[in-house]
Amino acid sequence: MILSRLYGKGRGWVFSQTDLADLGSRSTLDVALHRLWTQGAIRRVLRGIYDYPRYSLLLGEPLSPDIDRVAQALARKLGWRILANGPSVLNLIGLSTQVPAQ
């Protein structure tokens, strides 16, 4: 069931156990995620945060996870809200070409 959820969301999806809570108990999810991690189907990005890695045909290896997706998954896990601020908002909506240096 976890694999079908991963396939549905597509490569590059970053998730935590809270995103899969409807599929079973916490201990069942722990075991299933550990097995998928040891098989190499998923990758552990942070403690409790996983991703379904994208692969580069040019490099022949998995790409780094998208930091924005990692931040959103962490926010979903911890119940946070992440809001863009200042110059980053202008860049995100396309009003400025300047990229904040952080």
PDB file of N, CA and C in Angstrom:
ATOM      1  N   MET A   1       0.819  -1.195   0.000  1.00  0.00           N
ATOM      2  CA  MET A   1       0.000   0.000   0.000  1.00  0.00           C
ATOM      3  C   MET A   1       0.865   1.261   0.000  1.00  0.00           C
ATOM      4  N   ILE A   2       1.988   1.196   0.707  1.00  0.00           N
ATOM      5  CA  ILE A   2       2.890   2.348   0.740  1.00  0.00           C
ATOM      6  C   ILE A   2       3.491   2.576  -0.640  1.00  0.00           C
ATOM      7  N   LEU A   3       3.891   1.493  -1.293  1.00  0.00           N
ATOM      8  CA  LEU A   3       4.462   1.625  -2.632  1.00  0.00           C
ATOM      9  C   LEU A   3       3.462   2.205  -3.622  1.00  0.00           C
ATOM     10  N   SER A   4       2.207   1.806  -3.537  1.00  0.00           N
ATOM     11  CA  SER A   4       1.215   2.373  -4.456  1.00  0.00           C
ATOM     12  C   SER A   4       1.007   3.858  -4.180  1.00  0.00           C
ATOM     13  N   ARG A   5       1.093   4.263  -2.920  1.00  0.00           N
ATOM     14  CA  ARG A   5       0.999   5.695  -2.595  1.00  0.00           C
ATOM     15  C   ARG A   5       2.198   6.437  -3.178  1.00  0.00           C
ATOM     16  N   LEU A   6       3.396   5.831  -3.066  1.00  0.00           N
ATOM     17  CA  LEU A   6       4.600   6.445  -3.622  1.00  0.00           C
ATOM     18  C   LEU A   6       4.497   6.592  -5.132  1.00  0.00           C
ATOM     19  N   TYR A   7       4.050   5.529  -5.798  1.00  0.00           N
ATOM     20  CA  TYR A   7       3.918   5.584  -7.251  1.00  0.00           C
ATOM     21  C   TYR A   7       2.903   6.639  -7.670  1.00  0.00           C
ATOM     22  N   GLY A   8       1.843   6.789  -6.891  1.00  0.00           N
ATOM     23  CA  GLY A   8       0.817   7.783  -7.206  1.00  0.00           C
ATOM     24  C   GLY A   8       1.322   9.216  -7.049  1.00  0.00           C
ATOM     25  N   LYS A   9       2.136   9.451  -6.046  1.00  0.00           N
ATOM     26  CA  LYS A   9       2.672  10.803  -5.818  1.00  0.00           C
ATOM     27  C   LYS A   9       3.828  11.125  -6.759  1.00  0.00           C
ATOM     28  N   GLY A  10       4.528  10.098  -7.224  1.00  0.00           N
ATOM     29  CA  GLY A  10       5.620  10.314  -8.174  1.00  0.00           C
ATOM     30  C   GLY A  10       6.965  10.500  -7.500  1.00  0.00           C
ATOM     31  N   ARG A  11       7.994  10.392  -8.322  1.00  0.00           N
ATOM     32  CA  ARG A  11       9.363  10.542  -7.818  1.00  0.00           C
ATOM     33  C   ARG A  11       9.590  11.970  -7.335  1.00  0.00           C
ATOM     34  N   GLY A  12      10.364  12.082  -6.274  1.00  0.00           N
ATOM     35  CA  GLY A  12      10.644  13.387  -5.704  1.00  0.00           C
ATOM     36  C   GLY A  12       9.727  13.731  -4.539  1.00  0.00           C
ATOM     37  N   TRP A  13       8.723  12.874  -4.254  1.00  0.00           N
ATOM     38  CA  TRP A  13       7.809  13.150  -3.152  1.00  0.00           C
ATOM     39  C   TRP A  13       8.529  12.946  -1.831  1.00  0.00           C
ATOM     40  N   VAL A  14       8.427  13.916  -0.940  1.00  0.00           N
ATOM     41  CA  VAL A  14       9.032  13.847   0.388  1.00  0.00           C
ATOM     42  C   VAL A  14       7.894  13.697   1.381  1.00  0.00           C
ATOM     43  N   PHE A  15       8.031  12.757   2.314  1.00  0.00           N
ATOM     44  CA  PHE A  15       6.918  12.432   3.198  1.00  0.00           C
ATOM     45  C   PHE A  15       7.416  12.018   4.574  1.00  0.00           C
ATOM     46  N   SER A  16       6.480  11.952   5.500  1.00  0.00           N
ATOM     47  CA  SER A  16       6.762  11.446   6.840  1.00  0.00           C
ATOM     48  C   SER A  16       5.692  10.406   7.167  1.00  0.00           C
ATOM     49  N   GLN A  17       5.768   9.850   8.348  1.00  0.00           N
ATOM     50  CA  GLN A  17       4.789   8.847   8.745  1.00  0.00           C
ATOM     51  C   GLN A  17       3.394   9.435   8.883  1.00  0.00           C
ATOM     52  N   THR A  18       3.297  10.716   9.186  1.00  0.00           N
ATOM     53  CA  THR A  18       1.976  11.327   9.313  1.00  0.00           C
ATOM     54  C   THR A  18       1.250  11.365   7.975  1.00  0.00           C
ATOM     55  N   ASP A  19       1.994  11.406   6.867  1.00  0.00           N
ATOM     56  CA  ASP A  19       1.373  11.386   5.552  1.00  0.00           C
ATOM     57  C   ASP A  19       0.819  10.000   5.216  1.00  0.00           C
ATOM     58  N   LEU A  20       1.293   8.981   5.926  1.00  0.00           N
ATOM     59  CA  LEU A  20       0.869   7.605   5.672  1.00  0.00           C
ATOM     60  C   LEU A  20       0.063   7.028   6.831  1.00  0.00           C
ATOM     61  N   ALA A  21      -0.368   7.860   7.762  1.00  0.00           N
ATOM     62  CA  ALA A  21      -1.026   7.394   8.982  1.00  0.00           C
ATOM     63  C   ALA A  21      -2.314   6.622   8.706  1.00  0.00           C
ATOM     64  N   ASP A  22      -2.963   6.889   7.585  1.00  0.00           N
ATOM     65  CA  ASP A  22      -4.216   6.195   7.276  1.00  0.00           C
ATOM     66  C   ASP A  22      -3.989   4.765   6.795  1.00  0.00           C
ATOM     67  N   LEU A  23      -2.741   4.369   6.574  1.00  0.00           N
ATOM     68  CA  LEU A  23      -2.443   3.037   6.052  1.00  0.00           C
ATOM     69  C   LEU A  23      -2.206   1.988   7.132  1.00  0.00           C
ATOM     70  N   GLY A  24      -2.018   2.402   8.371  1.00  0.00           N
ATOM     71  CA  GLY A  24      -1.783   1.422   9.431  1.00  0.00           C
ATOM     72  C   GLY A  24      -1.295   2.083  10.703  1.00  0.00           C
ATOM     73  N   SER A  25      -0.955   1.239  11.669  1.00  0.00           N
ATOM     74  CA  SER A  25      -0.472   1.749  12.954  1.00  0.00           C
ATOM     75  C   SER A  25       0.967   2.240  12.818  1.00  0.00           C
ATOM     76  N   ARG A  26       1.416   2.949  13.826  1.00  0.00           N
ATOM     77  CA  ARG A  26       2.762   3.513  13.785  1.00  0.00           C
ATOM     78  C   ARG A  26       3.832   2.422  13.723  1.00  0.00           C
ATOM     79  N   SER A  27       3.664   1.368  14.499  1.00  0.00           N
ATOM     80  CA  SER A  27       4.673   0.301  14.503  1.00  0.00           C
ATOM     81  C   SER A  27       4.708  -0.425  13.155  1.00  0.00           C
ATOM     82  N   THR A  28       3.548  -0.620  12.536  1.00  0.00           N
ATOM     83  CA  THR A  28       3.503  -1.249  11.220  1.00  0.00           C
ATOM     84  C   THR A  28       4.193  -0.380  10.186  1.00  0.00           C
ATOM     85  N   LEU A  29       3.943   0.925  10.241  1.00  0.00           N
ATOM     86  CA  LEU A  29       4.588   1.852   9.314  1.00  0.00           C
ATOM     87  C   LEU A  29       6.094   1.894   9.537  1.00  0.00           C
ATOM     88  N   ASP A  30       6.518   1.839  10.801  1.00  0.00           N
ATOM     89  CA  ASP A  30       7.956   1.827  11.105  1.00  0.00           C
ATOM     90  C   ASP A  30       8.650   0.652  10.423  1.00  0.00           C
ATOM     91  N   VAL A  31       8.065  -0.521  10.554  1.00  0.00           N
ATOM     92  CA  VAL A  31       8.661  -1.727   9.978  1.00  0.00           C
ATOM     93  C   VAL A  31       8.652  -1.647   8.455  1.00  0.00           C
ATOM     94  N   ALA A  32       7.527  -1.232   7.881  1.00  0.00           N
ATOM     95  CA  ALA A  32       7.418  -1.159   6.421  1.00  0.00           C
ATOM     96  C   ALA A  32       8.378  -0.130   5.837  1.00  0.00           C
ATOM     97  N   LEU A  33       8.490   1.032   6.475  1.00  0.00           N
ATOM     98  CA  LEU A  33       9.408   2.055   5.980  1.00  0.00           C
ATOM     99  C   LEU A  33      10.856   1.614   6.127  1.00  0.00           C
ATOM    100  N   HIS A  34      11.161   0.928   7.218  1.00  0.00           N
ATOM    101  CA  HIS A  34      12.526   0.423   7.384  1.00  0.00           C
ATOM    102  C   HIS A  34      12.867  -0.592   6.289  1.00  0.00           C
ATOM    103  N   ARG A  35      11.930  -1.463   5.962  1.00  0.00           N
ATOM    104  CA  ARG A  35      12.171  -2.450   4.900  1.00  0.00           C
ATOM    105  C   ARG A  35      12.358  -1.773   3.551  1.00  0.00           C
ATOM    106  N   LEU A  36      11.515  -0.782   3.253  1.00  0.00           N
ATOM    107  CA  LEU A  36      11.664  -0.060   1.986  1.00  0.00           C
ATOM    108  C   LEU A  36      12.988   0.688   1.933  1.00  0.00           C
ATOM    109  N   TRP A  37      13.430   1.210   3.071  1.00  0.00           N
ATOM    110  CA  TRP A  37      14.704   1.926   3.134  1.00  0.00           C
ATOM    111  C   TRP A  37      15.874   0.968   2.902  1.00  0.00           C
ATOM    112  N   THR A  38      15.837  -0.213   3.517  1.00  0.00           N
ATOM    113  CA  THR A  38      16.930  -1.171   3.333  1.00  0.00           C
ATOM    114  C   THR A  38      16.959  -1.729   1.915  1.00  0.00           C
ATOM    115  N   GLN A  39      15.796  -1.810   1.257  1.00  0.00           N
ATOM    116  CA  GLN A  39      15.745  -2.269  -0.136  1.00  0.00           C
ATOM    117  C   GLN A  39      16.201  -1.188  -1.108  1.00  0.00           C
ATOM    118  N   GLY A  40      16.241   0.059  -0.649  1.00  0.00           N
ATOM    119  CA  GLY A  40      16.670   1.155  -1.507  1.00  0.00           C
ATOM    120  C   GLY A  40      15.542   1.811  -2.273  1.00  0.00           C
ATOM    121  N   ALA A  41      14.295   1.465  -1.951  1.00  0.00           N
ATOM    122  CA  ALA A  41      13.150   2.060  -2.645  1.00  0.00           C
ATOM    123  C   ALA A  41      12.925   3.498  -2.197  1.00  0.00           C
ATOM    124  N   ILE A  42      13.206   3.780  -0.929  1.00  0.00           N
ATOM    125  CA  ILE A  42      13.081   5.141  -0.402  1.00  0.00           C
ATOM    126  C   ILE A  42      14.393   5.523   0.254  1.00  0.00           C
ATOM    127  N   ARG A  43      14.517   6.800   0.554  1.00  0.00           N
ATOM    128  CA  ARG A  43      15.744   7.314   1.160  1.00  0.00           C
ATOM    129  C   ARG A  43      15.367   8.117   2.401  1.00  0.00           C
ATOM    130  N   ARG A  44      16.132   7.960   3.471  1.00  0.00           N
ATOM    131  CA  ARG A  44      15.897   8.725   4.693  1.00  0.00           C
ATOM    132  C   ARG A  44      16.645  10.046   4.570  1.00  0.00           C
ATOM    133  N   VAL A  45      15.892  11.157   4.578  1.00  0.00           N
ATOM    134  CA  VAL A  45      16.488  12.483   4.434  1.00  0.00           C
ATOM    135  C   VAL A  45      16.859  13.033   5.806  1.00  0.00           C
ATOM    136  N   LEU A  46      15.923  12.997   6.711  1.00  0.00           N
ATOM    137  CA  LEU A  46      16.108  13.394   8.106  1.00  0.00           C
ATOM    138  C   LEU A  46      15.468  12.311   8.960  1.00  0.00           C
ATOM    139  N   ARG A  47      15.596  12.442  10.258  1.00  0.00           N
ATOM    140  CA  ARG A  47      14.929  11.486  11.127  1.00  0.00           C
ATOM    141  C   ARG A  47      13.413  11.649  10.976  1.00  0.00           C
ATOM    142  N   GLY A  48      12.770  10.624  10.460  1.00  0.00           N
ATOM    143  CA  GLY A  48      11.323  10.648  10.277  1.00  0.00           C
ATOM    144  C   GLY A  48      10.858  11.261   8.968  1.00  0.00           C
ATOM    145  N   ILE A  49      11.776  11.713   8.131  1.00  0.00           N
ATOM    146  CA  ILE A  49      11.443  12.289   6.822  1.00  0.00           C
ATOM    147  C   ILE A  49      12.107  11.435   5.745  1.00  0.00           C
ATOM    148  N   TYR A  50      11.310  10.993   4.792  1.00  0.00           N
ATOM    149  CA  TYR A  50      11.778  10.123   3.719  1.00  0.00           C
ATOM    150  C   TYR A  50      11.449  10.748   2.374  1.00  0.00           C
ATOM    151  N   ASP A  51      12.116  10.276   1.332  1.00  0.00           N
ATOM    152  CA  ASP A  51      11.734  10.698  -0.015  1.00  0.00           C
ATOM    153  C   ASP A  51      11.801   9.517  -0.968  1.00  0.00           C
ATOM    154  N   TYR A  52      11.031   9.642  -2.022  1.00  0.00           N
ATOM    155  CA  TYR A  52      11.042   8.685  -3.119  1.00  0.00           C
ATOM    156  C   TYR A  52      11.934   9.323  -4.165  1.00  0.00           C
ATOM    157  N   PRO A  53      13.210   8.907  -4.228  1.00  0.00           N
ATOM    158  CA  PRO A  53      14.213   9.679  -4.962  1.00  0.00           C
ATOM    159  C   PRO A  53      13.991   9.727  -6.476  1.00  0.00           C
ATOM    160  N   ARG A  54      14.346  10.883  -7.025  1.00  0.00           N
ATOM    161  CA  ARG A  54      14.396  11.052  -8.478  1.00  0.00           C
ATOM    162  C   ARG A  54      15.777  10.613  -8.934  1.00  0.00           C
ATOM    163  N   TYR A  55      15.860  10.061 -10.124  1.00  0.00           N
ATOM    164  CA  TYR A  55      17.137   9.602 -10.667  1.00  0.00           C
ATOM    165  C   TYR A  55      17.532  10.433 -11.868  1.00  0.00           C
ATOM    166  N   SER A  56      18.816  10.686 -11.981  1.00  0.00           N
ATOM    167  CA  SER A  56      19.366  11.399 -13.130  1.00  0.00           C
ATOM    168  C   SER A  56      19.915  10.378 -14.108  1.00  0.00           C
ATOM    169  N   LEU A  57      19.410  10.418 -15.337  1.00  0.00           N
ATOM    170  CA  LEU A  57      19.938   9.527 -16.360  1.00  0.00           C
ATOM    171  C   LEU A  57      21.359   9.927 -16.743  1.00  0.00           C
ATOM    172  N   LEU A  58      21.640  11.221 -16.696  1.00  0.00           N
ATOM    173  CA  LEU A  58      22.968  11.715 -17.042  1.00  0.00           C
ATOM    174  C   LEU A  58      24.020  11.263 -16.030  1.00  0.00           C
ATOM    175  N   LEU A  59      23.697  11.409 -14.750  1.00  0.00           N
ATOM    176  CA  LEU A  59      24.643  11.035 -13.699  1.00  0.00           C
ATOM    177  C   LEU A  59      24.568   9.560 -13.329  1.00  0.00           C
ATOM    178  N   GLY A  60      23.411   8.960 -13.564  1.00  0.00           N
ATOM    179  CA  GLY A  60      23.236   7.552 -13.207  1.00  0.00           C
ATOM    180  C   GLY A  60      23.116   7.314 -11.724  1.00  0.00           C
ATOM    181  N   GLU A  61      22.642   8.297 -10.994  1.00  0.00           N
ATOM    182  CA  GLU A  61      22.484   8.164  -9.546  1.00  0.00           C
ATOM    183  C   GLU A  61      21.318   9.036  -9.087  1.00  0.00           C
ATOM    184  N   PRO A  62      20.853   8.821  -7.855  1.00  0.00           N
ATOM    185  CA  PRO A  62      19.728   9.625  -7.354  1.00  0.00           C
ATOM    186  C   PRO A  62      20.124  11.089  -7.173  1.00  0.00           C
ATOM    187  N   LEU A  63      19.158  11.969  -7.418  1.00  0.00           N
ATOM    188  CA  LEU A  63      19.367  13.404  -7.215  1.00  0.00           C
ATOM    189  C   LEU A  63      19.096  13.765  -5.759  1.00  0.00           C
ATOM    190  N   SER A  64      19.605  14.890  -5.328  1.00  0.00           N
ATOM    191  CA  SER A  64      19.339  15.377  -3.980  1.00  0.00           C
ATOM    192  C   SER A  64      17.866  15.736  -3.845  1.00  0.00           C
ATOM    193  N   PRO A  65      17.306  15.578  -2.649  1.00  0.00           N
ATOM    194  CA  PRO A  65      15.899  15.944  -2.477  1.00  0.00           C
ATOM    195  C   PRO A  65      15.716  17.463  -2.577  1.00  0.00           C
ATOM    196  N   ASP A  66      14.553  17.873  -3.047  1.00  0.00           N
ATOM    197  CA  ASP A  66      14.219  19.288  -3.151  1.00  0.00           C
ATOM    198  C   ASP A  66      14.025  19.850  -1.745  1.00  0.00           C
ATOM    199  N   ILE A  67      14.776  20.886  -1.404  1.00  0.00           N
ATOM    200  CA  ILE A  67      14.753  21.428  -0.043  1.00  0.00           C
ATOM    201  C   ILE A  67      13.388  22.007   0.318  1.00  0.00           C
ATOM    202  N   ASP A  68      12.667  22.550  -0.666  1.00  0.00           N
ATOM    203  CA  ASP A  68      11.328  23.073  -0.386  1.00  0.00           C
ATOM    204  C   ASP A  68      10.364  21.946  -0.027  1.00  0.00           C
ATOM    205  N   ARG A  69      10.477  20.832  -0.711  1.00  0.00           N
ATOM    206  CA  ARG A  69       9.616  19.680  -0.396  1.00  0.00           C
ATOM    207  C   ARG A  69       9.956  19.093   0.966  1.00  0.00           C
ATOM    208  N   VAL A  70      11.235  19.100   1.321  1.00  0.00           N
ATOM    209  CA  VAL A  70      11.639  18.619   2.644  1.00  0.00           C
ATOM    210  C   VAL A  70      11.059  19.530   3.723  1.00  0.00           C
ATOM    211  N   ALA A  71      11.123  20.831   3.498  1.00  0.00           N
ATOM    212  CA  ALA A  71      10.579  21.784   4.470  1.00  0.00           C
ATOM    213  C   ALA A  71       9.068  21.615   4.609  1.00  0.00           C
ATOM    214  N   GLN A  72       8.358  21.396   3.503  1.00  0.00           N
ATOM    215  CA  GLN A  72       6.913  21.205   3.562  1.00  0.00           C
ATOM    216  C   GLN A  72       6.557  19.911   4.289  1.00  0.00           C
ATOM    217  N   ALA A  73       7.320  18.838   4.061  1.00  0.00           N
ATOM    218  CA  ALA A  73       7.071  17.569   4.755  1.00  0.00           C
ATOM    219  C   ALA A  73       7.324  17.710   6.254  1.00  0.00           C
ATOM    220  N   LEU A  74       8.374  18.426   6.607  1.00  0.00           N
ATOM    221  CA  LEU A  74       8.667  18.669   8.018  1.00  0.00           C
ATOM    222  C   LEU A  74       7.566  19.501   8.660  1.00  0.00           C
ATOM    223  N   ALA A  75       7.057  20.475   7.930  1.00  0.00           N
ATOM    224  CA  ALA A  75       5.961  21.301   8.437  1.00  0.00           C
ATOM    225  C   ALA A  75       4.695  20.473   8.623  1.00  0.00           C
ATOM    226  N   ARG A  76       4.387  19.571   7.680  1.00  0.00           N
ATOM    227  CA  ARG A  76       3.211  18.709   7.841  1.00  0.00           C
ATOM    228  C   ARG A  76       3.372  17.799   9.044  1.00  0.00           C
ATOM    229  N   LYS A  77       4.579  17.287   9.250  1.00  0.00           N
ATOM    230  CA  LYS A  77       4.826  16.370  10.359  1.00  0.00           C
ATOM    231  C   LYS A  77       4.655  17.065  11.706  1.00  0.00           C
ATOM    232  N   LEU A  78       5.168  18.275  11.807  1.00  0.00           N
ATOM    233  CA  LEU A  78       5.169  18.978  13.093  1.00  0.00           C
ATOM    234  C   LEU A  78       4.002  19.943  13.273  1.00  0.00           C
ATOM    235  N   GLY A  79       3.159  20.076  12.242  1.00  0.00           N
ATOM    236  CA  GLY A  79       2.010  20.964  12.345  1.00  0.00           C
ATOM    237  C   GLY A  79       2.370  22.434  12.195  1.00  0.00           C
ATOM    238  N   TRP A  80       3.446  22.726  11.503  1.00  0.00           N
ATOM    239  CA  TRP A  80       3.882  24.103  11.291  1.00  0.00           C
ATOM    240  C   TRP A  80       3.241  24.670  10.034  1.00  0.00           C
ATOM    241  N   ARG A  81       3.273  25.983   9.927  1.00  0.00           N
ATOM    242  CA  ARG A  81       2.916  26.674   8.681  1.00  0.00           C
ATOM    243  C   ARG A  81       4.134  27.442   8.226  1.00  0.00           C
ATOM    244  N   ILE A  82       4.505  27.275   6.962  1.00  0.00           N
ATOM    245  CA  ILE A  82       5.667  27.968   6.405  1.00  0.00           C
ATOM    246  C   ILE A  82       5.158  29.016   5.436  1.00  0.00           C
ATOM    247  N   LEU A  83       5.569  30.246   5.661  1.00  0.00           N
ATOM    248  CA  LEU A  83       5.164  31.340   4.798  1.00  0.00           C
ATOM    249  C   LEU A  83       6.396  32.029   4.242  1.00  0.00           C
ATOM    250  N   ALA A  84       6.352  32.341   2.959  1.00  0.00           N
ATOM    251  CA  ALA A  84       7.449  33.091   2.346  1.00  0.00           C
ATOM    252  C   ALA A  84       7.361  34.543   2.780  1.00  0.00           C
ATOM    253  N   ASN A  85       8.510  35.239   2.764  1.00  0.00           N
ATOM    254  CA  ASN A  85       8.562  36.589   3.283  1.00  0.00           C
ATOM    255  C   ASN A  85       9.474  37.443   2.412  1.00  0.00           C
ATOM    256  N   GLY A  86       9.117  38.699   2.250  1.00  0.00           N
ATOM    257  CA  GLY A  86       9.969  39.692   1.608  1.00  0.00           C
ATOM    258  C   GLY A  86      10.355  39.372   0.180  1.00  0.00           C
ATOM    259  N   PRO A  87      11.666  39.455  -0.123  1.00  0.00           N
ATOM    260  CA  PRO A  87      12.129  39.248  -1.498  1.00  0.00           C
ATOM    261  C   PRO A  87      11.840  37.848  -2.039  1.00  0.00           C
ATOM    262  N   SER A  88      11.752  36.840  -1.149  1.00  0.00           N
ATOM    263  CA  SER A  88      11.458  35.504  -1.656  1.00  0.00           C
ATOM    264  C   SER A  88      10.069  35.416  -2.262  1.00  0.00           C
ATOM    265  N   VAL A  89       9.112  36.154  -1.723  1.00  0.00           N
ATOM    266  CA  VAL A  89       7.759  36.163  -2.288  1.00  0.00           C
ATOM    267  C   VAL A  89       7.784  36.785  -3.673  1.00  0.00           C
ATOM    268  N   LEU A  90       8.490  37.890  -3.826  1.00  0.00           N
ATOM    269  CA  LEU A  90       8.578  38.542  -5.128  1.00  0.00           C
ATOM    270  C   LEU A  90       9.198  37.607  -6.164  1.00  0.00           C
ATOM    271  N   ASN A  91      10.199  36.844  -5.750  1.00  0.00           N
ATOM    272  CA  ASN A  91      10.819  35.899  -6.670  1.00  0.00           C
ATOM    273  C   ASN A  91       9.880  34.742  -6.995  1.00  0.00           C
ATOM    274  N   LEU A  92       9.164  34.246  -5.996  1.00  0.00           N
ATOM    275  CA  LEU A  92       8.261  33.113  -6.204  1.00  0.00           C
ATOM    276  C   LEU A  92       7.119  33.442  -7.155  1.00  0.00           C
ATOM    277  N   ILE A  93       6.575  34.656  -7.066  1.00  0.00           N
ATOM    278  CA  ILE A  93       5.448  35.004  -7.942  1.00  0.00           C
ATOM    279  C   ILE A  93       5.897  35.638  -9.254  1.00  0.00           C
ATOM    280  N   GLY A  94       7.207  35.804  -9.424  1.00  0.00           N
ATOM    281  CA  GLY A  94       7.731  36.240 -10.718  1.00  0.00           C
ATOM    282  C   GLY A  94       7.832  37.749 -10.907  1.00  0.00           C
ATOM    283  N   LEU A  95       7.724  38.524  -9.848  1.00  0.00           N
ATOM    284  CA  LEU A  95       7.834  39.969  -9.961  1.00  0.00           C
ATOM    285  C   LEU A  95       9.276  40.451  -9.899  1.00  0.00           C
ATOM    286  N   SER A  96      10.173  39.615  -9.452  1.00  0.00           N
ATOM    287  CA  SER A  96      11.585  39.985  -9.346  1.00  0.00           C
ATOM    288  C   SER A  96      12.440  38.789  -9.776  1.00  0.00           C
ATOM    289  N   THR A  97      13.582  39.092 -10.367  1.00  0.00           N
ATOM    290  CA  THR A  97      14.507  38.030 -10.747  1.00  0.00           C
ATOM    291  C   THR A  97      15.609  37.847  -9.713  1.00  0.00           C
ATOM    292  N   GLN A  98      15.625  38.708  -8.710  1.00  0.00           N
ATOM    293  CA  GLN A  98      16.632  38.587  -7.662  1.00  0.00           C
ATOM    294  C   GLN A  98      16.290  37.412  -6.754  1.00  0.00           C
ATOM    295  N   VAL A  99      17.323  36.670  -6.393  1.00  0.00           N
ATOM    296  CA  VAL A  99      17.133  35.519  -5.514  1.00  0.00           C
ATOM    297  C   VAL A  99      17.733  35.860  -4.177  1.00  0.00           C
ATOM    298  N   PRO A 100      16.951  35.720  -3.095  1.00  0.00           N
ATOM    299  CA  PRO A 100      17.493  36.019  -1.766  1.00  0.00           C
ATOM    300  C   PRO A 100      18.674  35.117  -1.433  1.00  0.00           C
ATOM    301  N   ALA A 101      19.687  35.682  -0.825  1.00  0.00           N
ATOM    302  CA  ALA A 101      20.920  34.929  -0.515  1.00  0.00           C
ATOM    303  C   ALA A 101      20.827  34.355   0.886  1.00  0.00           C
ATOM    304  N   GLN A 102      20.184  33.190   1.002  1.00  0.00           N
ATOM    305  CA  GLN A 102      20.132  32.480   2.274  1.00  0.00           C
ATOM    306  C   GLN A 102      20.292  31.019   2.004  1.00  0.00           C
TER     307      GLN A 102
END
